[in-house]
Amino acid sequence: MGLTNQTPEDQVQKIFDEIAGNYDRMNDLISLQSHKRWRNQMVDMMALRQGDHVLDLCCGTADLTIATAGKVGSTGHVVGLDFSKEMVKSGQKKVEQAGLEEQIEFQIGDAMNLPFESNSFDAVTLGFGLRNVPDAAAVLREMRRVVKPGGTVACLETSQPQNPVIKFFWKQYFKLVPVMGQVVSHHFKQYSYLEQTAGQFVSAPKLKQMFETAGLRKVKVKTLMFGAAAIHIGKK
C-alpha cells in the first residue's frame, strides 16, 4: 500500500480512501448487519431533541450522521466530519438520496484537532472510528471541549469480550476479516490493519475510564454482542 515514510494519520487516511467504495458492504458482512441496529440503539440512548446541533466525528459513509439527523428533525443540524475525502463522498451520496442536504453538512478535518469553537454542539457522536486514530484520548478531550455544558458525548466502538471462551471465538472470527476484505474488495492489507486495531483496542471498562479522565461524567456503558462492541455515553 506504500505506507512507509508516512505519518500514522496519512496511513489511516490512505486506508479509508482505498476501502470507501466497499465500506458499507464490508460493514454489513463483518457485523452480520448488526452495526445498523447498534447505531440506532446509541442514538435512542442519547435522547436527542428536535432542533439539536450535533457533530458526528469520523462520520465515514454517514450512517450514523443520517440516523442522528432523523432525531433532531428539520429544525436540527448535523455536521459530519472525516479526514477521508472518499468516505465523505460516499456519505454525501447517501445524504442526497435521503433528501437531507438541508440538515446535514460535511467537513474534512482531524478528530484530534477539531476546527470548532468550544461549547458549539448539543451532542457529539463517534461510530467505529476511535480505535483508528493515533491518540484516542485527544479525541475524547476534543469531543468534550466542543460539546456544550450539559451536552452528550457518545461513542460506538468494537470492544474486548470479557468472557474467555467468547473472547477466543471473537478473535478467531476477526482473523477472517482480511480474507473477507480480499474476497469482497481485493483489500487484504487494509482489512488486516482494521482487524489489528479491533484486536488491540481497549475494553469497555477501560474506555469508560478514558471518558472520565477526559472530564466526562455520568458515563453509561452498554455492551453489545457478548462484549464484541460497546456504547459509551457521557455528559459534560
Protein backbone atom coordinates (compact mmCIF):
# COMPACT_ATOMS: atom_id res chain seq x y z
CA MET A 1 0.00 0.00 0.00
CA GLY A 2 3.04 2.27 0.14
CA LEU A 3 2.51 3.21 3.78
CA THR A 4 6.20 3.67 4.64
CA ASN A 5 7.52 7.20 5.25
CA GLN A 6 4.02 8.41 6.06
CA THR A 7 2.62 9.72 9.34
CA PRO A 8 0.12 7.49 11.18
CA GLU A 9 -2.62 9.91 10.16
CA ASP A 10 -1.60 9.69 6.49
CA GLN A 11 -1.52 5.90 6.66
CA VAL A 12 -5.02 5.60 8.11
CA GLN A 13 -6.40 8.21 5.72
CA LYS A 14 -5.00 6.27 2.76
CA ILE A 15 -6.55 3.03 4.02
CA PHE A 16 -10.02 4.54 4.31
CA ASP A 17 -9.76 6.31 0.96
CA GLU A 18 -8.96 2.93 -0.62
CA ILE A 19 -11.79 0.96 1.00
CA ALA A 20 -14.52 3.63 0.76
CA GLY A 21 -16.24 2.08 -2.24
CA ASN A 22 -16.96 -1.22 -0.48
CA TYR A 23 -17.04 0.01 3.11
CA ASP A 24 -20.77 -0.42 3.63
CA ARG A 25 -20.83 -3.94 2.18
CA MET A 26 -17.95 -4.96 4.41
CA ASN A 27 -19.59 -3.47 7.49
CA ASP A 28 -22.72 -5.49 6.79
CA LEU A 29 -20.68 -8.65 6.34
CA ILE A 30 -18.34 -8.28 9.33
CA SER A 31 -21.06 -7.34 11.82
CA LEU A 32 -23.74 -9.57 10.27
CA GLN A 33 -25.62 -6.28 9.73
CA SER A 34 -25.73 -5.66 13.48
CA HIS A 35 -23.95 -2.30 13.14
CA LYS A 36 -27.16 -0.66 11.90
CA ARG A 37 -29.10 -1.77 14.96
CA TRP A 38 -26.26 -0.72 17.26
CA ARG A 39 -26.14 2.77 15.80
CA ASN A 40 -29.88 3.16 16.25
CA GLN A 41 -29.58 1.95 19.85
CA MET A 42 -26.96 4.58 20.61
CA VAL A 43 -28.98 7.36 19.00
CA ASP A 44 -32.04 6.31 21.04
CA MET A 45 -29.99 6.28 24.26
CA MET A 46 -28.80 9.84 23.63
CA ALA A 47 -32.34 11.25 23.87
CA LEU A 48 -31.67 13.91 21.25
CA ARG A 49 -34.22 16.69 20.84
CA GLN A 50 -35.74 18.40 17.85
CA GLY A 51 -33.53 21.31 16.89
CA ASP A 52 -30.31 19.96 18.40
CA HIS A 53 -26.98 20.79 16.76
CA VAL A 54 -24.86 17.61 16.52
CA LEU A 55 -21.33 16.78 15.40
CA ASP A 56 -20.63 13.27 14.07
CA LEU A 57 -16.88 12.55 14.10
CA CYS A 58 -15.18 10.02 11.82
CA CYS A 59 -18.52 10.03 10.02
CA GLY A 60 -17.36 7.78 7.18
CA THR A 61 -20.21 6.95 4.83
CA ALA A 62 -22.69 8.80 7.06
CA ASP A 63 -24.86 6.00 8.50
CA LEU A 64 -24.70 7.50 12.00
CA THR A 65 -24.91 11.04 10.62
CA ILE A 66 -28.19 10.21 8.88
CA ALA A 67 -29.61 8.36 11.89
CA THR A 68 -28.83 11.37 14.07
CA ALA A 69 -30.45 13.77 11.60
CA GLY A 70 -33.63 11.75 11.89
CA LYS A 71 -33.78 12.50 15.60
CA VAL A 72 -33.03 16.24 15.52
CA GLY A 73 -35.58 16.86 12.78
CA SER A 74 -35.86 19.59 10.18
CA THR A 75 -35.03 22.29 12.72
CA GLY A 76 -31.84 20.49 13.78
CA HIS A 77 -28.46 20.36 12.11
CA VAL A 78 -25.74 17.70 11.88
CA VAL A 79 -22.12 18.19 10.86
CA GLY A 80 -20.31 15.09 9.65
CA LEU A 81 -16.51 15.30 9.89
CA ASP A 82 -13.98 12.85 8.49
CA PHE A 83 -10.43 13.05 7.16
CA SER A 84 -11.10 10.70 4.23
CA LYS A 85 -12.44 12.57 1.22
CA GLU A 86 -13.52 9.33 -0.44
CA MET A 87 -15.56 8.25 2.58
CA VAL A 88 -17.22 11.65 2.72
CA LYS A 89 -18.07 11.43 -1.00
CA SER A 90 -19.88 8.15 -0.33
CA GLY A 91 -21.68 9.75 2.62
CA GLN A 92 -22.75 12.75 0.58
CA LYS A 93 -24.39 10.50 -1.99
CA LYS A 94 -26.43 8.77 0.73
CA VAL A 95 -27.47 12.10 2.23
CA GLU A 96 -28.64 13.32 -1.18
CA GLN A 97 -30.60 10.10 -1.74
CA ALA A 98 -32.27 10.61 1.65
CA GLY A 99 -33.11 14.24 0.85
CA LEU A 100 -31.27 15.54 3.91
CA GLU A 101 -28.96 18.11 2.29
CA GLU A 102 -30.55 20.95 4.29
CA GLN A 103 -29.95 19.20 7.61
CA ILE A 104 -26.50 17.70 7.08
CA GLU A 105 -23.21 19.25 6.06
CA PHE A 106 -19.78 17.64 5.77
CA GLN A 107 -16.30 18.86 6.60
CA ILE A 108 -12.88 17.34 6.07
CA GLY A 109 -10.94 17.52 9.31
CA ASP A 110 -8.90 15.94 12.09
CA ALA A 111 -10.80 14.50 15.06
CA MET A 112 -7.77 15.16 17.29
CA ASN A 113 -7.81 18.88 16.46
CA LEU A 114 -11.36 19.96 15.72
CA PRO A 115 -11.99 23.16 13.73
CA PHE A 116 -14.83 24.28 16.02
CA GLU A 117 -15.13 26.65 18.96
CA SER A 118 -15.67 25.27 22.44
CA ASN A 119 -19.28 24.67 23.55
CA SER A 120 -20.60 24.57 19.97
CA PHE A 121 -22.76 21.41 19.88
CA ASP A 122 -25.57 19.83 21.88
CA ALA A 123 -24.07 16.40 21.24
CA VAL A 124 -21.01 14.80 19.65
CA THR A 125 -21.06 11.25 18.31
CA LEU A 126 -18.43 8.84 17.01
CA GLY A 127 -19.09 5.42 15.49
CA PHE A 128 -16.35 2.86 14.86
CA GLY A 129 -13.60 5.44 14.49
CA LEU A 130 -11.96 5.90 17.88
CA ARG A 131 -9.79 2.80 17.58
CA ASN A 132 -8.31 4.06 14.31
CA VAL A 133 -6.99 7.44 15.49
CA PRO A 134 -3.39 7.76 16.73
CA ASP A 135 -4.49 9.37 20.03
CA ALA A 136 -7.94 8.32 21.27
CA ALA A 137 -7.57 10.31 24.49
CA ALA A 138 -7.01 13.51 22.48
CA VAL A 139 -10.21 12.83 20.50
CA LEU A 140 -12.23 12.39 23.70
CA ARG A 141 -10.84 15.66 25.08
CA GLU A 142 -11.80 17.42 21.86
CA MET A 143 -15.29 15.90 21.94
CA ARG A 144 -15.77 17.23 25.46
CA ARG A 145 -14.37 20.64 24.52
CA VAL A 146 -16.75 21.30 21.63
CA VAL A 147 -19.92 19.99 23.32
CA LYS A 148 -21.99 22.43 25.37
CA PRO A 149 -22.21 22.17 29.18
CA GLY A 150 -24.83 19.52 29.88
CA GLY A 151 -24.35 18.11 26.39
CA THR A 152 -23.79 14.49 25.40
CA VAL A 153 -20.71 12.66 24.11
CA ALA A 154 -21.42 9.21 22.63
CA CYS A 155 -19.19 6.54 21.14
CA LEU A 156 -19.95 3.18 19.49
CA GLU A 157 -16.86 1.03 19.11
CA THR A 158 -15.57 -2.52 18.98
CA SER A 159 -14.55 -3.85 22.37
CA GLN A 160 -12.93 -6.81 24.09
CA PRO A 161 -15.25 -9.59 25.35
CA GLN A 162 -14.51 -10.35 29.00
CA ASN A 163 -15.60 -13.99 28.92
CA PRO A 164 -12.51 -16.05 27.93
CA VAL A 165 -14.45 -18.50 25.77
CA ILE A 166 -16.31 -15.77 23.88
CA LYS A 167 -13.09 -13.78 23.53
CA PHE A 168 -11.34 -16.76 21.95
CA PHE A 169 -14.03 -17.23 19.29
CA TRP A 170 -14.26 -13.46 18.76
CA LYS A 171 -10.54 -13.31 17.97
CA GLN A 172 -10.79 -16.29 15.65
CA TYR A 173 -13.66 -14.67 13.79
CA PHE A 174 -11.80 -11.38 13.37
CA LYS A 175 -8.87 -13.23 11.84
CA LEU A 176 -11.21 -13.87 8.91
CA VAL A 177 -11.78 -10.15 8.32
CA PRO A 178 -8.77 -9.68 5.97
CA VAL A 179 -9.93 -12.70 3.96
CA MET A 180 -13.40 -11.14 3.67
CA GLY A 181 -11.76 -7.90 2.57
CA GLN A 182 -9.82 -9.70 -0.14
CA VAL A 183 -12.88 -11.54 -1.45
CA VAL A 184 -15.25 -8.56 -1.42
CA SER A 185 -12.95 -5.70 -2.38
CA HIS A 186 -9.42 -7.05 -3.00
CA HIS A 187 -8.13 -5.14 0.03
CA PHE A 188 -6.43 -7.76 2.20
CA LYS A 189 -3.78 -5.47 3.72
CA GLN A 190 -6.24 -2.71 4.53
CA TYR A 191 -8.55 -5.06 6.41
CA SER A 192 -5.57 -6.67 8.12
CA TYR A 193 -4.94 -3.26 9.64
CA LEU A 194 -8.58 -2.91 10.74
CA GLU A 195 -8.51 -6.41 12.23
CA GLN A 196 -5.43 -5.40 14.24
CA THR A 197 -6.99 -2.21 15.58
CA ALA A 198 -10.10 -4.11 16.68
CA GLY A 199 -7.99 -6.71 18.48
CA GLN A 200 -5.79 -4.13 20.19
CA PHE A 201 -8.41 -1.59 21.25
CA VAL A 202 -9.29 -1.16 24.90
CA SER A 203 -12.05 -2.97 26.79
CA ALA A 204 -15.36 -1.30 27.66
CA PRO A 205 -14.32 -0.70 31.32
CA LYS A 206 -11.06 0.90 30.18
CA LEU A 207 -12.84 3.15 27.70
CA LYS A 208 -15.21 4.22 30.48
CA GLN A 209 -12.15 5.29 32.47
CA MET A 210 -10.87 7.21 29.45
CA PHE A 211 -14.21 9.04 29.21
CA GLU A 212 -13.92 10.02 32.85
CA THR A 213 -10.29 11.06 32.50
CA ALA A 214 -11.34 13.34 29.64
CA GLY A 215 -13.69 15.09 32.07
CA LEU A 216 -16.97 13.43 31.15
CA ARG A 217 -19.41 12.45 33.89
CA LYS A 218 -22.35 10.10 34.41
CA VAL A 219 -20.79 7.71 31.89
CA LYS A 220 -23.11 4.89 30.84
CA VAL A 221 -21.90 1.72 29.13
CA LYS A 222 -23.92 -0.79 27.13
CA THR A 223 -22.09 -3.85 25.83
CA LEU A 224 -23.26 -5.50 22.60
CA MET A 225 -22.95 -8.99 21.15
CA PHE A 226 -21.44 -10.50 24.32
CA GLY A 227 -18.94 -7.65 24.60
CA ALA A 228 -17.72 -7.56 20.98
CA ALA A 229 -18.81 -3.91 20.82
CA ALA A 230 -19.93 -1.27 23.29
CA ILE A 231 -21.78 2.04 23.53
CA HIS A 232 -20.38 4.70 25.86
CA ILE A 233 -22.32 7.86 26.68
CA GLY A 234 -21.10 10.67 28.92
CA LYS A 235 -22.14 14.18 29.90
CA LYS A 236 -20.21 17.43 30.10
